[in-house]
Amino acid sequence: MQKEVREALRIRFKLAILEYGRGIGSVTKACREFKVPRSTFYEWKKVFEKEGKAGLAQYMPILLLIYYRTGYITSFPFESTCTVK
């Protein structure tokens, strides 16, 4: 299956769970039926309300993305811009 198709199916799955939970009026029952943790449901809900469908897309962590593109990680990418007190 192509990468884009898998991603579209993931988004549709998340939307279906969000709509089902709203439709039956019970997040607990929806999560139990789809075997999804309630914390994950509320994470998806929060992102969907803020960013819409695009927010439900799966994002790759930046360090992993750098590793896949370059083959190595020399330093943390935000090291020079962040200060810790």
PDB file of N, CA and C in Angstrom:
ATOM      1  N   MET A   1       0.839  -1.174   0.000  1.00  0.00           N
ATOM      2  CA  MET A   1       0.000   0.000   0.000  1.00  0.00           C
ATOM      3  C   MET A   1       0.888   1.242   0.000  1.00  0.00           C
ATOM      4  N   GLN A   2       0.500   2.244  -0.760  1.00  0.00           N
ATOM      5  CA  GLN A   2       1.297   3.454  -0.843  1.00  0.00           C
ATOM      6  C   GLN A   2       1.236   4.252   0.450  1.00  0.00           C
ATOM      7  N   LYS A   3       2.292   5.011   0.661  1.00  0.00           N
ATOM      8  CA  LYS A   3       2.426   5.798   1.879  1.00  0.00           C
ATOM      9  C   LYS A   3       1.253   6.782   2.065  1.00  0.00           C
ATOM     10  N   GLU A   4       0.854   7.444   0.997  1.00  0.00           N
ATOM     11  CA  GLU A   4      -0.225   8.429   1.069  1.00  0.00           C
ATOM     12  C   GLU A   4      -1.566   7.770   1.420  1.00  0.00           C
ATOM     13  N   VAL A   5      -1.777   6.584   0.876  1.00  0.00           N
ATOM     14  CA  VAL A   5      -3.024   5.862   1.144  1.00  0.00           C
ATOM     15  C   VAL A   5      -3.081   5.443   2.606  1.00  0.00           C
ATOM     16  N   ARG A   6      -1.961   4.932   3.128  1.00  0.00           N
ATOM     17  CA  ARG A   6      -1.911   4.541   4.546  1.00  0.00           C
ATOM     18  C   ARG A   6      -2.193   5.736   5.441  1.00  0.00           C
ATOM     19  N   GLU A   7      -1.592   6.878   5.103  1.00  0.00           N
ATOM     20  CA  GLU A   7      -1.780   8.082   5.917  1.00  0.00           C
ATOM     21  C   GLU A   7      -3.240   8.543   5.856  1.00  0.00           C
ATOM     22  N   ALA A   8      -3.860   8.480   4.694  1.00  0.00           N
ATOM     23  CA  ALA A   8      -5.265   8.861   4.546  1.00  0.00           C
ATOM     24  C   ALA A   8      -6.160   7.933   5.374  1.00  0.00           C
ATOM     25  N   LEU A   9      -5.837   6.648   5.388  1.00  0.00           N
ATOM     26  CA  LEU A   9      -6.617   5.691   6.182  1.00  0.00           C
ATOM     27  C   LEU A   9      -6.454   5.941   7.680  1.00  0.00           C
ATOM     28  N   ARG A  10      -5.254   6.307   8.103  1.00  0.00           N
ATOM     29  CA  ARG A  10      -5.035   6.629   9.525  1.00  0.00           C
ATOM     30  C   ARG A  10      -5.891   7.822   9.942  1.00  0.00           C
ATOM     31  N   ILE A  11      -5.917   8.843   9.084  1.00  0.00           N
ATOM     32  CA  ILE A  11      -6.702  10.041   9.383  1.00  0.00           C
ATOM     33  C   ILE A  11      -8.183   9.696   9.449  1.00  0.00           C
ATOM     34  N   ARG A  12      -8.669   8.897   8.495  1.00  0.00           N
ATOM     35  CA  ARG A  12     -10.081   8.497   8.480  1.00  0.00           C
ATOM     36  C   ARG A  12     -10.425   7.673   9.717  1.00  0.00           C
ATOM     37  N   PHE A  13      -9.505   6.810  10.150  1.00  0.00           N
ATOM     38  CA  PHE A  13      -9.716   6.005  11.356  1.00  0.00           C
ATOM     39  C   PHE A  13      -9.879   6.903  12.576  1.00  0.00           C
ATOM     40  N   LYS A  14      -9.008   7.880  12.706  1.00  0.00           N
ATOM     41  CA  LYS A  14      -9.067   8.801  13.840  1.00  0.00           C
ATOM     42  C   LYS A  14     -10.358   9.611  13.817  1.00  0.00           C
ATOM     43  N   LEU A  15     -10.731  10.090  12.633  1.00  0.00           N
ATOM     44  CA  LEU A  15     -11.981  10.842  12.503  1.00  0.00           C
ATOM     45  C   LEU A  15     -13.191   9.981  12.850  1.00  0.00           C
ATOM     46  N   ALA A  16     -13.167   8.738  12.410  1.00  0.00           N
ATOM     47  CA  ALA A  16     -14.282   7.827  12.692  1.00  0.00           C
ATOM     48  C   ALA A  16     -14.449   7.630  14.195  1.00  0.00           C
ATOM     49  N   ILE A  17     -13.357   7.471  14.903  1.00  0.00           N
ATOM     50  CA  ILE A  17     -13.427   7.287  16.354  1.00  0.00           C
ATOM     51  C   ILE A  17     -13.942   8.560  17.028  1.00  0.00           C
ATOM     52  N   LEU A  18     -13.450   9.711  16.598  1.00  0.00           N
ATOM     53  CA  LEU A  18     -13.914  10.975  17.176  1.00  0.00           C
ATOM     54  C   LEU A  18     -15.413  11.168  16.938  1.00  0.00           C
ATOM     55  N   GLU A  19     -15.876  10.892  15.727  1.00  0.00           N
ATOM     56  CA  GLU A  19     -17.293  11.037  15.411  1.00  0.00           C
ATOM     57  C   GLU A  19     -18.149  10.002  16.148  1.00  0.00           C
ATOM     58  N   TYR A  20     -17.650   8.796  16.243  1.00  0.00           N
ATOM     59  CA  TYR A  20     -18.386   7.741  16.946  1.00  0.00           C
ATOM     60  C   TYR A  20     -18.542   8.095  18.421  1.00  0.00           C
ATOM     61  N   GLY A  21     -17.469   8.563  19.029  1.00  0.00           N
ATOM     62  CA  GLY A  21     -17.518   8.966  20.434  1.00  0.00           C
ATOM     63  C   GLY A  21     -18.512  10.085  20.665  1.00  0.00           C
ATOM     64  N   ARG A  22     -18.552  11.041  19.758  1.00  0.00           N
ATOM     65  CA  ARG A  22     -19.499  12.141  19.862  1.00  0.00           C
ATOM     66  C   ARG A  22     -20.924  11.631  19.627  1.00  0.00           C
ATOM     67  N   GLY A  23     -21.065  10.735  18.676  1.00  0.00           N
ATOM     68  CA  GLY A  23     -22.388  10.217  18.314  1.00  0.00           C
ATOM     69  C   GLY A  23     -23.062   9.408  19.411  1.00  0.00           C
ATOM     70  N   ILE A  24     -22.310   8.541  20.066  1.00  0.00           N
ATOM     71  CA  ILE A  24     -22.916   7.712  21.120  1.00  0.00           C
ATOM     72  C   ILE A  24     -22.903   8.417  22.467  1.00  0.00           C
ATOM     73  N   GLY A  25     -22.126   9.494  22.552  1.00  0.00           N
ATOM     74  CA  GLY A  25     -22.100  10.272  23.783  1.00  0.00           C
ATOM     75  C   GLY A  25     -21.251   9.687  24.893  1.00  0.00           C
ATOM     76  N   SER A  26     -20.421   8.708  24.555  1.00  0.00           N
ATOM     77  CA  SER A  26     -19.566   8.098  25.570  1.00  0.00           C
ATOM     78  C   SER A  26     -18.174   7.838  24.996  1.00  0.00           C
ATOM     79  N   VAL A  27     -17.224   8.619  25.454  1.00  0.00           N
ATOM     80  CA  VAL A  27     -15.839   8.449  25.005  1.00  0.00           C
ATOM     81  C   VAL A  27     -15.302   7.103  25.473  1.00  0.00           C
ATOM     82  N   THR A  28     -15.632   6.724  26.685  1.00  0.00           N
ATOM     83  CA  THR A  28     -15.153   5.466  27.239  1.00  0.00           C
ATOM     84  C   THR A  28     -15.591   4.280  26.393  1.00  0.00           C
ATOM     85  N   LYS A  29     -16.876   4.245  26.014  1.00  0.00           N
ATOM     86  CA  LYS A  29     -17.375   3.139  25.196  1.00  0.00           C
ATOM     87  C   LYS A  29     -16.723   3.122  23.814  1.00  0.00           C
ATOM     88  N   ALA A  30     -16.560   4.292  23.217  1.00  0.00           N
ATOM     89  CA  ALA A  30     -15.940   4.378  21.893  1.00  0.00           C
ATOM     90  C   ALA A  30     -14.497   3.883  21.952  1.00  0.00           C
ATOM     91  N   CYS A  31     -13.773   4.312  22.951  1.00  0.00           N
ATOM     92  CA  CYS A  31     -12.368   3.907  23.086  1.00  0.00           C
ATOM     93  C   CYS A  31     -12.244   2.415  23.357  1.00  0.00           C
ATOM     94  N   ARG A  32     -13.136   1.898  24.179  1.00  0.00           N
ATOM     95  CA  ARG A  32     -13.116   0.473  24.487  1.00  0.00           C
ATOM     96  C   ARG A  32     -13.407  -0.350  23.229  1.00  0.00           C
ATOM     97  N   GLU A  33     -14.381   0.105  22.442  1.00  0.00           N
ATOM     98  CA  GLU A  33     -14.762  -0.628  21.239  1.00  0.00           C
ATOM     99  C   GLU A  33     -13.649  -0.629  20.181  1.00  0.00           C
ATOM    100  N   PHE A  34     -12.946   0.494  20.044  1.00  0.00           N
ATOM    101  CA  PHE A  34     -11.873   0.594  19.050  1.00  0.00           C
ATOM    102  C   PHE A  34     -10.497   0.257  19.618  1.00  0.00           C
ATOM    103  N   LYS A  35     -10.463  -0.069  20.916  1.00  0.00           N
ATOM    104  CA  LYS A  35      -9.206  -0.405  21.600  1.00  0.00           C
ATOM    105  C   LYS A  35      -8.171   0.725  21.489  1.00  0.00           C
ATOM    106  N   VAL A  36      -8.630   1.927  21.828  1.00  0.00           N
ATOM    107  CA  VAL A  36      -7.787   3.120  21.801  1.00  0.00           C
ATOM    108  C   VAL A  36      -7.803   3.729  23.203  1.00  0.00           C
ATOM    109  N   PRO A  37      -6.653   4.075  23.765  1.00  0.00           N
ATOM    110  CA  PRO A  37      -6.641   4.703  25.094  1.00  0.00           C
ATOM    111  C   PRO A  37      -7.408   6.032  25.091  1.00  0.00           C
ATOM    112  N   ARG A  38      -8.073   6.330  26.184  1.00  0.00           N
ATOM    113  CA  ARG A  38      -8.818   7.592  26.287  1.00  0.00           C
ATOM    114  C   ARG A  38      -7.895   8.790  26.144  1.00  0.00           C
ATOM    115  N   SER A  39      -6.679   8.668  26.666  1.00  0.00           N
ATOM    116  CA  SER A  39      -5.733   9.785  26.549  1.00  0.00           C
ATOM    117  C   SER A  39      -5.425  10.081  25.083  1.00  0.00           C
ATOM    118  N   THR A  40      -5.315   9.026  24.277  1.00  0.00           N
ATOM    119  CA  THR A  40      -5.071   9.195  22.845  1.00  0.00           C
ATOM    120  C   THR A  40      -6.273   9.852  22.183  1.00  0.00           C
ATOM    121  N   PHE A  41      -7.480   9.423  22.562  1.00  0.00           N
ATOM    122  CA  PHE A  41      -8.703  10.029  22.018  1.00  0.00           C
ATOM    123  C   PHE A  41      -8.705  11.532  22.271  1.00  0.00           C
ATOM    124  N   TYR A  42      -8.427  11.922  23.508  1.00  0.00           N
ATOM    125  CA  TYR A  42      -8.458  13.345  23.844  1.00  0.00           C
ATOM    126  C   TYR A  42      -7.321  14.113  23.175  1.00  0.00           C
ATOM    127  N   GLU A  43      -6.189  13.446  22.950  1.00  0.00           N
ATOM    128  CA  GLU A  43      -5.091  14.064  22.197  1.00  0.00           C
ATOM    129  C   GLU A  43      -5.548  14.363  20.775  1.00  0.00           C
ATOM    130  N   TRP A  44      -6.154  13.357  20.129  1.00  0.00           N
ATOM    131  CA  TRP A  44      -6.660  13.533  18.759  1.00  0.00           C
ATOM    132  C   TRP A  44      -7.718  14.618  18.708  1.00  0.00           C
ATOM    133  N   LYS A  45      -8.603  14.627  19.699  1.00  0.00           N
ATOM    134  CA  LYS A  45      -9.679  15.617  19.740  1.00  0.00           C
ATOM    135  C   LYS A  45      -9.117  17.026  19.834  1.00  0.00           C
ATOM    136  N   LYS A  46      -8.145  17.200  20.704  1.00  0.00           N
ATOM    137  CA  LYS A  46      -7.526  18.510  20.905  1.00  0.00           C
ATOM    138  C   LYS A  46      -6.851  18.989  19.620  1.00  0.00           C
ATOM    139  N   VAL A  47      -6.098  18.106  18.987  1.00  0.00           N
ATOM    140  CA  VAL A  47      -5.395  18.459  17.750  1.00  0.00           C
ATOM    141  C   VAL A  47      -6.400  18.748  16.637  1.00  0.00           C
ATOM    142  N   PHE A  48      -7.456  17.946  16.537  1.00  0.00           N
ATOM    143  CA  PHE A  48      -8.462  18.140  15.495  1.00  0.00           C
ATOM    144  C   PHE A  48      -9.174  19.474  15.661  1.00  0.00           C
ATOM    145  N   GLU A  49      -9.512  19.828  16.884  1.00  0.00           N
ATOM    146  CA  GLU A  49     -10.182  21.106  17.132  1.00  0.00           C
ATOM    147  C   GLU A  49      -9.277  22.284  16.810  1.00  0.00           C
ATOM    148  N   LYS A  50      -7.995  22.108  17.003  1.00  0.00           N
ATOM    149  CA  LYS A  50      -7.040  23.193  16.777  1.00  0.00           C
ATOM    150  C   LYS A  50      -6.612  23.296  15.307  1.00  0.00           C
ATOM    151  N   GLU A  51      -6.308  22.142  14.665  1.00  0.00           N
ATOM    152  CA  GLU A  51      -5.709  22.153  13.332  1.00  0.00           C
ATOM    153  C   GLU A  51      -6.555  21.498  12.247  1.00  0.00           C
ATOM    154  N   GLY A  52      -7.651  20.867  12.615  1.00  0.00           N
ATOM    155  CA  GLY A  52      -8.485  20.195  11.621  1.00  0.00           C
ATOM    156  C   GLY A  52      -7.897  18.858  11.194  1.00  0.00           C
ATOM    157  N   LYS A  53      -8.307  18.388  10.010  1.00  0.00           N
ATOM    158  CA  LYS A  53      -7.849  17.091   9.516  1.00  0.00           C
ATOM    159  C   LYS A  53      -6.336  17.009   9.395  1.00  0.00           C
ATOM    160  N   ALA A  54      -5.714  18.100   8.969  1.00  0.00           N
ATOM    161  CA  ALA A  54      -4.262  18.105   8.778  1.00  0.00           C
ATOM    162  C   ALA A  54      -3.523  17.813  10.082  1.00  0.00           C
ATOM    163  N   GLY A  55      -4.104  18.191  11.190  1.00  0.00           N
ATOM    164  CA  GLY A  55      -3.482  17.944  12.482  1.00  0.00           C
ATOM    165  C   GLY A  55      -3.450  16.475  12.867  1.00  0.00           C
ATOM    166  N   LEU A  56      -4.321  15.674  12.262  1.00  0.00           N
ATOM    167  CA  LEU A  56      -4.373  14.246  12.582  1.00  0.00           C
ATOM    168  C   LEU A  56      -3.343  13.429  11.816  1.00  0.00           C
ATOM    169  N   ALA A  57      -2.640  14.058  10.890  1.00  0.00           N
ATOM    170  CA  ALA A  57      -1.601  13.356  10.139  1.00  0.00           C
ATOM    171  C   ALA A  57      -0.479  12.958  11.090  1.00  0.00           C
ATOM    172  N   GLN A  58       0.182  11.881  10.764  1.00  0.00           N
ATOM    173  CA  GLN A  58       1.255  11.375  11.627  1.00  0.00           C
ATOM    174  C   GLN A  58       2.540  12.129  11.323  1.00  0.00           C
ATOM    175  N   TYR A  59       3.139  12.713  12.342  1.00  0.00           N
ATOM    176  CA  TYR A  59       4.381  13.453  12.171  1.00  0.00           C
ATOM    177  C   TYR A  59       5.549  12.657  12.719  1.00  0.00           C
ATOM    178  N   MET A  60       6.664  12.754  12.037  1.00  0.00           N
ATOM    179  CA  MET A  60       7.868  12.058  12.457  1.00  0.00           C
ATOM    180  C   MET A  60       8.687  12.980  13.374  1.00  0.00           C
ATOM    181  N   PRO A  61       9.182  12.487  14.492  1.00  0.00           N
ATOM    182  CA  PRO A  61      10.018  13.315  15.361  1.00  0.00           C
ATOM    183  C   PRO A  61      11.213  13.872  14.593  1.00  0.00           C
ATOM    184  N   ILE A  62      11.591  15.113  14.881  1.00  0.00           N
ATOM    185  CA  ILE A  62      12.615  15.802  14.106  1.00  0.00           C
ATOM    186  C   ILE A  62      13.973  15.097  14.134  1.00  0.00           C
ATOM    187  N   LEU A  63      14.373  14.542  15.274  1.00  0.00           N
ATOM    188  CA  LEU A  63      15.665  13.860  15.316  1.00  0.00           C
ATOM    189  C   LEU A  63      15.678  12.625  14.420  1.00  0.00           C
ATOM    190  N   LEU A  64      14.586  11.901  14.393  1.00  0.00           N
ATOM    191  CA  LEU A  64      14.489  10.730  13.537  1.00  0.00           C
ATOM    192  C   LEU A  64      14.503  11.142  12.071  1.00  0.00           C
ATOM    193  N   LEU A  65      13.824  12.228  11.756  1.00  0.00           N
ATOM    194  CA  LEU A  65      13.803  12.733  10.395  1.00  0.00           C
ATOM    195  C   LEU A  65      15.214  13.130   9.939  1.00  0.00           C
ATOM    196  N   ILE A  66      15.950  13.809  10.796  1.00  0.00           N
ATOM    197  CA  ILE A  66      17.332  14.191  10.470  1.00  0.00           C
ATOM    198  C   ILE A  66      18.180  12.943  10.253  1.00  0.00           C
ATOM    199  N   TYR A  67      18.014  11.950  11.107  1.00  0.00           N
ATOM    200  CA  TYR A  67      18.787  10.714  10.965  1.00  0.00           C
ATOM    201  C   TYR A  67      18.489  10.029   9.629  1.00  0.00           C
ATOM    202  N   TYR A  68      17.205   9.944   9.259  1.00  0.00           N
ATOM    203  CA  TYR A  68      16.848   9.291   7.998  1.00  0.00           C
ATOM    204  C   TYR A  68      17.413  10.041   6.791  1.00  0.00           C
ATOM    205  N   ARG A  69      17.453  11.346   6.875  1.00  0.00           N
ATOM    206  CA  ARG A  69      17.938  12.135   5.739  1.00  0.00           C
ATOM    207  C   ARG A  69      19.458  12.166   5.638  1.00  0.00           C
ATOM    208  N   THR A  70      20.149  12.176   6.772  1.00  0.00           N
ATOM    209  CA  THR A  70      21.606  12.331   6.745  1.00  0.00           C
ATOM    210  C   THR A  70      22.359  11.058   7.105  1.00  0.00           C
ATOM    211  N   GLY A  71      21.736  10.184   7.852  1.00  0.00           N
ATOM    212  CA  GLY A  71      22.396   8.963   8.284  1.00  0.00           C
ATOM    213  C   GLY A  71      23.081   9.102   9.629  1.00  0.00           C
ATOM    214  N   TYR A  72      23.100  10.305  10.182  1.00  0.00           N
ATOM    215  CA  TYR A  72      23.723  10.515  11.491  1.00  0.00           C
ATOM    216  C   TYR A  72      23.150  11.770  12.148  1.00  0.00           C
ATOM    217  N   ILE A  73      23.373  11.875  13.450  1.00  0.00           N
ATOM    218  CA  ILE A  73      22.971  13.058  14.209  1.00  0.00           C
ATOM    219  C   ILE A  73      24.210  13.544  14.939  1.00  0.00           C
ATOM    220  N   THR A  74      24.638  14.769  14.632  1.00  0.00           N
ATOM    221  CA  THR A  74      25.840  15.291  15.269  1.00  0.00           C
ATOM    222  C   THR A  74      25.525  16.017  16.566  1.00  0.00           C
ATOM    223  N   SER A  75      24.417  16.743  16.607  1.00  0.00           N
ATOM    224  CA  SER A  75      24.033  17.452  17.821  1.00  0.00           C
ATOM    225  C   SER A  75      22.538  17.701  17.809  1.00  0.00           C
ATOM    226  N   PHE A  76      22.036  18.100  18.940  1.00  0.00           N
ATOM    227  CA  PHE A  76      20.621  18.413  19.030  1.00  0.00           C
ATOM    228  C   PHE A  76      20.363  19.677  18.225  1.00  0.00           C
ATOM    229  N   PRO A  77      19.384  19.709  17.331  1.00  0.00           N
ATOM    230  CA  PRO A  77      19.195  20.831  16.419  1.00  0.00           C
ATOM    231  C   PRO A  77      18.848  22.165  17.063  1.00  0.00           C
ATOM    232  N   PHE A  78      18.295  22.167  18.286  1.00  0.00           N
ATOM    233  CA  PHE A  78      17.892  23.418  18.900  1.00  0.00           C
ATOM    234  C   PHE A  78      18.866  23.865  19.985  1.00  0.00           C
ATOM    235  N   GLU A  79      20.003  23.230  20.033  1.00  0.00           N
ATOM    236  CA  GLU A  79      20.988  23.488  21.080  1.00  0.00           C
ATOM    237  C   GLU A  79      21.379  24.954  21.174  1.00  0.00           C
ATOM    238  N   SER A  80      21.618  25.590  20.036  1.00  0.00           N
ATOM    239  CA  SER A  80      22.119  26.961  20.060  1.00  0.00           C
ATOM    240  C   SER A  80      21.018  27.977  20.355  1.00  0.00           C
ATOM    241  N   THR A  81      19.744  27.631  20.148  1.00  0.00           N
ATOM    242  CA  THR A  81      18.681  28.617  20.347  1.00  0.00           C
ATOM    243  C   THR A  81      18.039  28.530  21.714  1.00  0.00           C
ATOM    244  N   CYS A  82      18.241  27.448  22.444  1.00  0.00           N
ATOM    245  CA  CYS A  82      17.606  27.273  23.752  1.00  0.00           C
ATOM    246  C   CYS A  82      18.619  27.481  24.860  1.00  0.00           C
ATOM    247  N   THR A  83      18.166  28.133  25.913  1.00  0.00           N
ATOM    248  CA  THR A  83      19.029  28.280  27.091  1.00  0.00           C
ATOM    249  C   THR A  83      18.308  27.677  28.276  1.00  0.00           C
ATOM    250  N   VAL A  84      19.062  26.991  29.091  1.00  0.00           N
ATOM    251  CA  VAL A  84      18.497  26.369  30.285  1.00  0.00           C
ATOM    252  C   VAL A  84      19.037  27.102  31.493  1.00  0.00           C
ATOM    253  N   LYS A  85      18.143  27.482  32.396  1.00  0.00           N
ATOM    254  CA  LYS A  85      18.572  28.202  33.604  1.00  0.00           C
ATOM    255  C   LYS A  85      18.514  27.309  34.794  1.00  0.00           C
TER     256      LYS A  85
END
